[in-house]
Amino acid sequence: RRVNGIHLGAATKKANIMRWLEVHIGDKWVDFSVQTGNPEIPDNAMPWWRGSEPLVEISGGRNAQRLISYVQLEERVLDRVLVSGKNRQDEFVTFSLFGLPLATQEVYRIILMVPIGIFLLLILRNVVGLRSLGTFMPVLIALAFRETNLAWGLILFVGIVGSGLLFRLYLEYLKLLLVPRLAAVLIFVVLFMALISVVTAKLGFERGISIALFPMVIMTMTIERISILWDERGPADAIRQAVGSLAIAAVCYVIMTQDLLVHLFFTFPELLLVLLAATLVLGRYTGYRLLELKRFRVLAGDG
């Protein structure tokens, strides 16, 4: 008989249906792979339904679409931890983040990564010497990259900012005041984001739909900041700061999505005090930045 199921692994928003065969041998059913014909299927394959019937059937319509999503929630494990904590009368377990509802826990897993991104931003700006647009803008963009992934996020960011700059250039001819100009750019950004979501949804690109999570106000201020830099300091400096912001956002995204760090800071949120101490120490740093050392190349060559 035919078996239809999905392959359980990392959380995904678009799982594919996998199929295999079950053959009754002796007193039990044995799974056989359709591709190889061998009695082997992945251990984490979950059977859903059996038979040749499709997953979705419609009457009076056409072009049925299906989207299978799943996420792993370790509810039973957390319940055991809480129960064991109650048995030991351990208040540190009972009154921890593990005592919150699962949906709230997932929110705090993201929130607790923000200080790590801010600390990385501090290192990259004050020690390395990268320049960025705005103070915390790269970290907010990195949070948006969590849903779009890094490659799609960079493409969407460049597309929105580039289109916004063209619209901002047109507004120069209207001689608007600051607040009306920002409002007009914000409206354009929202419309452009909605357009990208609709087009990518029609084309089947799921990642493009996640553009709705981009912080539109931050994007508007980024467009305005790049425009001002372009007028005051020239295109080279404006592009340099924009590239620096994307580089910082990419580094923050890579570090903030590490499962080990998420687990450590969620289980032991007091680690944020270590970050606070390190931030205070770096706040006293007044030495040269790494990218500033290139000014001494002439001295090194003479030596």
Protein backbone atom coordinates (compact mmCIF):
# COMPACT_ATOMS: atom_id res chain seq x y z
CA ARG A 1 0.00 0.00 0.00
CA ARG A 2 1.03 3.59 -0.62
CA VAL A 3 2.05 5.83 2.28
CA ASN A 4 2.18 9.64 2.20
CA GLY A 5 3.98 11.67 4.84
CA ILE A 6 6.44 14.43 5.57
CA HIS A 7 10.07 14.53 6.62
CA LEU A 8 10.37 16.03 10.11
CA GLY A 9 13.51 18.06 10.66
CA ALA A 10 14.22 21.71 11.24
CA ALA A 11 11.19 23.97 11.40
CA THR A 12 9.94 24.91 7.96
CA LYS A 13 7.04 26.80 6.44
CA LYS A 14 6.94 24.78 3.23
CA ALA A 15 7.29 21.03 3.72
CA ASN A 16 7.12 18.64 0.78
CA ILE A 17 5.09 15.44 0.68
CA MET A 18 7.24 12.30 0.55
CA ARG A 19 5.91 8.88 -0.47
CA TRP A 20 6.95 5.31 0.19
CA LEU A 21 5.46 1.82 0.13
CA GLU A 22 4.42 -0.54 2.89
CA VAL A 23 4.57 -4.26 2.16
CA HIS A 24 2.91 -6.78 4.47
CA ILE A 25 5.52 -9.43 5.21
CA GLY A 26 4.67 -12.08 7.75
CA ASP A 27 2.81 -10.36 10.55
CA LYS A 28 4.06 -6.78 10.09
CA TRP A 29 4.29 -3.98 7.56
CA VAL A 30 7.74 -3.19 6.17
CA ASP A 31 8.57 0.21 4.66
CA PHE A 32 10.22 0.32 1.22
CA SER A 33 11.72 3.34 -0.52
CA VAL A 34 10.13 4.18 -3.87
CA GLN A 35 13.41 5.48 -5.31
CA THR A 36 15.76 2.64 -4.34
CA GLY A 37 13.37 -0.23 -3.70
CA ASN A 38 15.21 -1.02 -0.48
CA PRO A 39 13.50 -1.47 2.90
CA GLU A 40 14.72 1.86 4.24
CA ILE A 41 13.17 5.26 4.84
CA PRO A 42 14.39 8.16 7.01
CA ASP A 43 13.92 7.66 10.73
CA ASN A 44 12.13 10.99 11.11
CA ALA A 45 9.61 10.34 8.32
CA MET A 46 6.08 10.78 9.66
CA PRO A 47 3.25 8.92 7.86
CA TRP A 48 0.19 11.12 7.35
CA TRP A 49 -2.29 9.15 5.27
CA ARG A 50 -2.33 5.96 3.25
CA GLY A 51 -3.69 5.46 -0.23
CA SER A 52 -3.54 7.25 -3.56
CA GLU A 53 -6.00 9.99 -2.65
CA PRO A 54 -4.61 13.54 -2.82
CA LEU A 55 -4.13 15.65 0.28
CA VAL A 56 -6.67 18.26 -0.86
CA GLU A 57 -9.77 17.77 -2.98
CA ILE A 58 -12.00 20.64 -4.08
CA SER A 59 -15.36 20.69 -5.79
CA GLY A 60 -16.38 23.54 -8.07
CA GLY A 61 -12.94 25.12 -8.08
CA ARG A 62 -9.48 24.68 -9.51
CA ASN A 63 -5.80 25.34 -8.85
CA ALA A 64 -5.93 24.14 -5.26
CA GLN A 65 -2.87 25.18 -3.30
CA ARG A 66 -1.50 23.56 -0.17
CA LEU A 67 1.14 24.73 2.27
CA ILE A 68 2.43 22.47 5.02
CA SER A 69 4.29 24.07 7.92
CA TYR A 70 5.55 22.69 11.19
CA VAL A 71 7.65 23.81 14.11
CA GLN A 72 9.25 21.80 16.88
CA LEU A 73 8.06 22.71 20.37
CA GLU A 74 9.65 20.82 23.25
CA GLU A 75 6.56 21.08 25.43
CA ARG A 76 6.87 17.70 27.13
CA VAL A 77 10.50 18.28 28.00
CA LEU A 78 9.69 21.67 29.49
CA ASP A 79 6.79 20.20 31.45
CA ARG A 80 9.11 17.58 32.92
CA VAL A 81 11.57 20.27 33.92
CA LEU A 82 8.82 22.26 35.62
CA VAL A 83 7.45 19.18 37.37
CA SER A 84 10.88 18.19 38.62
CA GLY A 85 11.41 21.77 39.75
CA LYS A 86 8.18 21.68 41.74
CA ASN A 87 9.13 18.38 43.27
CA ARG A 88 12.41 19.87 44.43
CA GLN A 89 10.67 23.14 45.36
CA ASP A 90 13.19 24.90 43.18
CA GLU A 91 11.96 28.47 42.76
CA PHE A 92 14.67 29.23 40.20
CA VAL A 93 12.99 26.77 37.83
CA THR A 94 9.41 27.64 38.68
CA PHE A 95 9.94 31.42 38.29
CA SER A 96 12.04 31.27 35.14
CA LEU A 97 11.30 31.90 31.49
CA PHE A 98 10.38 28.24 31.18
CA GLY A 99 7.26 28.97 33.21
CA LEU A 100 5.86 31.23 30.48
CA PRO A 101 3.49 30.01 27.74
CA LEU A 102 5.23 28.50 24.74
CA ALA A 103 4.29 31.35 22.41
CA THR A 104 5.76 33.88 24.85
CA GLN A 105 8.89 31.78 25.20
CA GLU A 106 9.45 31.93 21.46
CA VAL A 107 9.16 35.73 21.61
CA TYR A 108 11.77 35.95 24.36
CA ARG A 109 14.11 33.66 22.43
CA ILE A 110 14.21 36.45 19.86
CA ILE A 111 14.23 39.39 22.29
CA LEU A 112 17.16 37.99 24.27
CA MET A 113 19.25 37.92 21.10
CA VAL A 114 18.89 41.68 20.59
CA PRO A 115 21.51 42.59 23.27
CA ILE A 116 23.96 40.24 21.55
CA GLY A 117 23.37 42.07 18.28
CA ILE A 118 23.85 45.42 20.02
CA PHE A 119 27.12 44.20 21.55
CA LEU A 120 28.36 43.05 18.14
CA LEU A 121 27.37 46.44 16.75
CA LEU A 122 29.44 48.08 19.47
CA ILE A 123 32.50 45.99 18.59
CA LEU A 124 32.18 46.50 14.85
CA ARG A 125 31.74 50.26 15.16
CA ASN A 126 34.03 51.22 18.07
CA VAL A 127 36.78 48.62 17.66
CA VAL A 128 36.74 47.55 14.01
CA GLY A 129 35.68 50.94 12.67
CA LEU A 130 32.73 50.09 10.42
CA ARG A 131 30.28 52.93 9.85
CA SER A 132 26.54 52.43 9.75
CA LEU A 133 23.35 54.37 9.15
CA GLY A 134 21.61 54.99 12.43
CA THR A 135 22.49 53.52 15.80
CA PHE A 136 20.52 50.28 16.05
CA MET A 137 19.25 50.01 12.47
CA PRO A 138 21.56 47.08 11.50
CA VAL A 139 20.31 45.01 14.44
CA LEU A 140 16.67 45.61 13.51
CA ILE A 141 17.42 44.62 9.92
CA ALA A 142 19.16 41.48 11.21
CA LEU A 143 15.96 40.56 13.08
CA ALA A 144 14.02 40.89 9.83
CA PHE A 145 16.58 38.59 8.16
CA ARG A 146 15.47 35.81 10.52
CA GLU A 147 12.33 35.33 8.44
CA THR A 148 13.68 36.10 4.99
CA ASN A 149 17.13 34.44 5.40
CA LEU A 150 20.30 36.38 4.66
CA ALA A 151 20.43 36.25 0.86
CA TRP A 152 16.77 37.19 0.32
CA GLY A 153 16.99 39.79 3.06
CA LEU A 154 19.90 41.57 1.42
CA ILE A 155 18.16 41.53 -1.96
CA LEU A 156 14.91 42.91 -0.54
CA PHE A 157 16.72 45.55 1.52
CA VAL A 158 18.67 46.82 -1.48
CA GLY A 159 15.52 46.80 -3.61
CA ILE A 160 13.46 48.80 -1.11
CA VAL A 161 16.19 51.33 -0.35
CA GLY A 162 17.08 51.75 -4.03
CA SER A 163 13.47 52.35 -5.04
CA GLY A 164 12.95 54.66 -2.09
CA LEU A 165 15.97 56.73 -3.08
CA LEU A 166 14.57 57.20 -6.58
CA PHE A 167 11.25 58.34 -5.10
CA ARG A 168 13.10 60.58 -2.65
CA LEU A 169 14.99 62.14 -5.57
CA TYR A 170 11.69 62.99 -7.24
CA LEU A 171 10.46 64.67 -4.04
CA GLU A 172 13.41 67.07 -4.21
CA TYR A 173 11.67 68.87 -7.04
CA LEU A 174 8.56 69.44 -4.91
CA LYS A 175 10.49 71.30 -2.17
CA LEU A 176 8.58 69.63 0.67
CA LEU A 177 9.20 70.17 4.37
CA LEU A 178 10.89 67.43 6.40
CA VAL A 179 7.87 65.78 8.03
CA PRO A 180 5.68 65.69 4.88
CA ARG A 181 8.65 64.35 2.92
CA LEU A 182 9.22 61.56 5.45
CA ALA A 183 5.51 60.74 5.43
CA ALA A 184 5.51 60.51 1.63
CA VAL A 185 8.56 58.22 1.65
CA LEU A 186 6.95 56.03 4.33
CA ILE A 187 3.77 55.66 2.27
CA PHE A 188 5.85 54.73 -0.77
CA VAL A 189 7.81 52.14 1.25
CA VAL A 190 4.60 50.52 2.50
CA LEU A 191 3.12 50.40 -1.01
CA PHE A 192 6.33 48.99 -2.46
CA MET A 193 6.55 46.32 0.26
CA ALA A 194 2.94 45.31 -0.40
CA LEU A 195 3.65 45.13 -4.14
CA ILE A 196 6.68 42.89 -3.59
CA SER A 197 4.66 40.59 -1.31
CA VAL A 198 1.87 40.21 -3.89
CA VAL A 199 4.24 39.63 -6.80
CA THR A 200 6.45 37.12 -4.97
CA ALA A 201 3.37 35.27 -3.68
CA LYS A 202 2.08 34.91 -7.24
CA LEU A 203 5.49 33.71 -8.43
CA GLY A 204 5.74 31.18 -5.61
CA PHE A 205 8.66 32.79 -3.76
CA GLU A 206 7.71 32.35 -0.13
CA ARG A 207 10.63 34.36 1.22
CA GLY A 208 9.46 37.50 -0.52
CA ILE A 209 6.24 37.48 1.50
CA SER A 210 8.29 37.92 4.69
CA ILE A 211 9.23 41.43 3.59
CA ALA A 212 6.26 42.59 5.67
CA LEU A 213 8.45 42.05 8.75
CA PHE A 214 10.92 44.72 7.65
CA PRO A 215 10.80 47.77 9.98
CA MET A 216 9.24 50.29 7.60
CA VAL A 217 9.96 53.32 9.77
CA ILE A 218 13.63 52.38 10.01
CA MET A 219 13.71 51.86 6.25
CA THR A 220 12.22 55.32 5.74
CA MET A 221 14.81 56.95 7.99
CA THR A 222 17.55 54.99 6.22
CA ILE A 223 16.44 56.34 2.85
CA GLU A 224 16.37 59.89 4.23
CA ARG A 225 19.79 59.48 5.84
CA ILE A 226 21.37 58.15 2.64
CA SER A 227 19.86 61.04 0.68
CA ILE A 228 21.29 63.61 3.08
CA LEU A 229 24.73 61.97 3.04
CA TRP A 230 24.61 61.84 -0.74
CA ASP A 231 23.99 65.59 -0.90
CA GLU A 232 26.40 66.64 1.87
CA ARG A 233 29.34 64.24 1.58
CA GLY A 234 28.95 62.70 -1.84
CA PRO A 235 27.89 59.28 -3.12
CA ALA A 236 31.07 57.51 -2.00
CA ASP A 237 30.49 58.19 1.70
CA ALA A 238 26.77 57.38 1.45
CA ILE A 239 27.45 54.04 -0.25
CA ARG A 240 30.22 53.27 2.24
CA GLN A 241 27.89 53.70 5.21
CA ALA A 242 25.10 51.72 3.52
CA VAL A 243 27.47 48.83 2.80
CA GLY A 244 28.77 49.02 6.37
CA SER A 245 25.22 48.78 7.70
CA LEU A 246 24.54 45.69 5.58
CA ALA A 247 27.81 44.10 6.70
CA ILE A 248 26.97 44.67 10.37
CA ALA A 249 23.43 43.35 9.85
CA ALA A 250 24.81 40.21 8.17
CA VAL A 251 27.26 39.53 11.02
CA CYS A 252 24.55 40.12 13.63
CA TYR A 253 22.19 37.77 11.78
CA VAL A 254 24.76 34.96 11.68
CA ILE A 255 25.56 35.24 15.40
CA MET A 256 22.01 35.87 16.62
CA THR A 257 20.69 32.73 14.89
CA GLN A 258 23.14 30.34 16.57
CA ASP A 259 21.09 27.73 18.42
CA LEU A 260 23.69 27.38 21.18
CA LEU A 261 23.58 31.09 22.02
CA VAL A 262 19.78 31.12 21.91
CA HIS A 263 19.66 28.19 24.33
CA LEU A 264 22.26 29.63 26.72
CA PHE A 265 20.74 33.11 26.97
CA PHE A 266 17.20 31.77 27.27
CA THR A 267 18.14 29.26 29.96
CA PHE A 268 20.52 31.63 31.77
CA PRO A 269 19.30 35.19 31.06
CA GLU A 270 21.71 36.43 33.74
CA LEU A 271 24.39 36.12 31.05
CA LEU A 272 23.12 39.50 29.89
CA LEU A 273 24.90 40.93 32.94
CA VAL A 274 28.17 39.69 31.45
CA LEU A 275 27.29 41.50 28.22
CA LEU A 276 26.49 44.61 30.25
CA ALA A 277 29.90 44.47 31.96
CA ALA A 278 31.69 43.98 28.64
CA THR A 279 29.73 46.89 27.17
CA LEU A 280 30.79 49.17 30.02
CA VAL A 281 34.42 48.16 29.51
CA LEU A 282 34.28 48.81 25.76
CA GLY A 283 32.59 52.12 26.46
CA ARG A 284 35.90 53.36 27.91
CA TYR A 285 37.88 52.38 24.82
CA THR A 286 39.34 55.44 23.09
CA GLY A 287 42.11 53.83 21.02
CA TYR A 288 42.47 53.44 17.29
CA ARG A 289 39.98 51.45 15.30
CA LEU A 290 41.31 48.61 13.16
CA LEU A 291 40.29 50.26 9.90
CA GLU A 292 42.12 53.44 10.93
CA LEU A 293 45.49 51.69 11.07
CA LYS A 294 45.78 51.87 7.28
CA ARG A 295 46.74 55.53 7.70
CA PHE A 296 50.12 54.38 9.01
CA ARG A 297 51.00 52.33 5.93
CA VAL A 298 53.46 54.99 4.81
CA LEU A 299 55.39 54.74 8.06
CA ALA A 300 55.44 50.96 7.84
CA GLY A 301 56.77 51.15 4.26
CA ASP A 302 59.56 53.54 5.22
CA GLY A 303 60.58 51.24 8.05
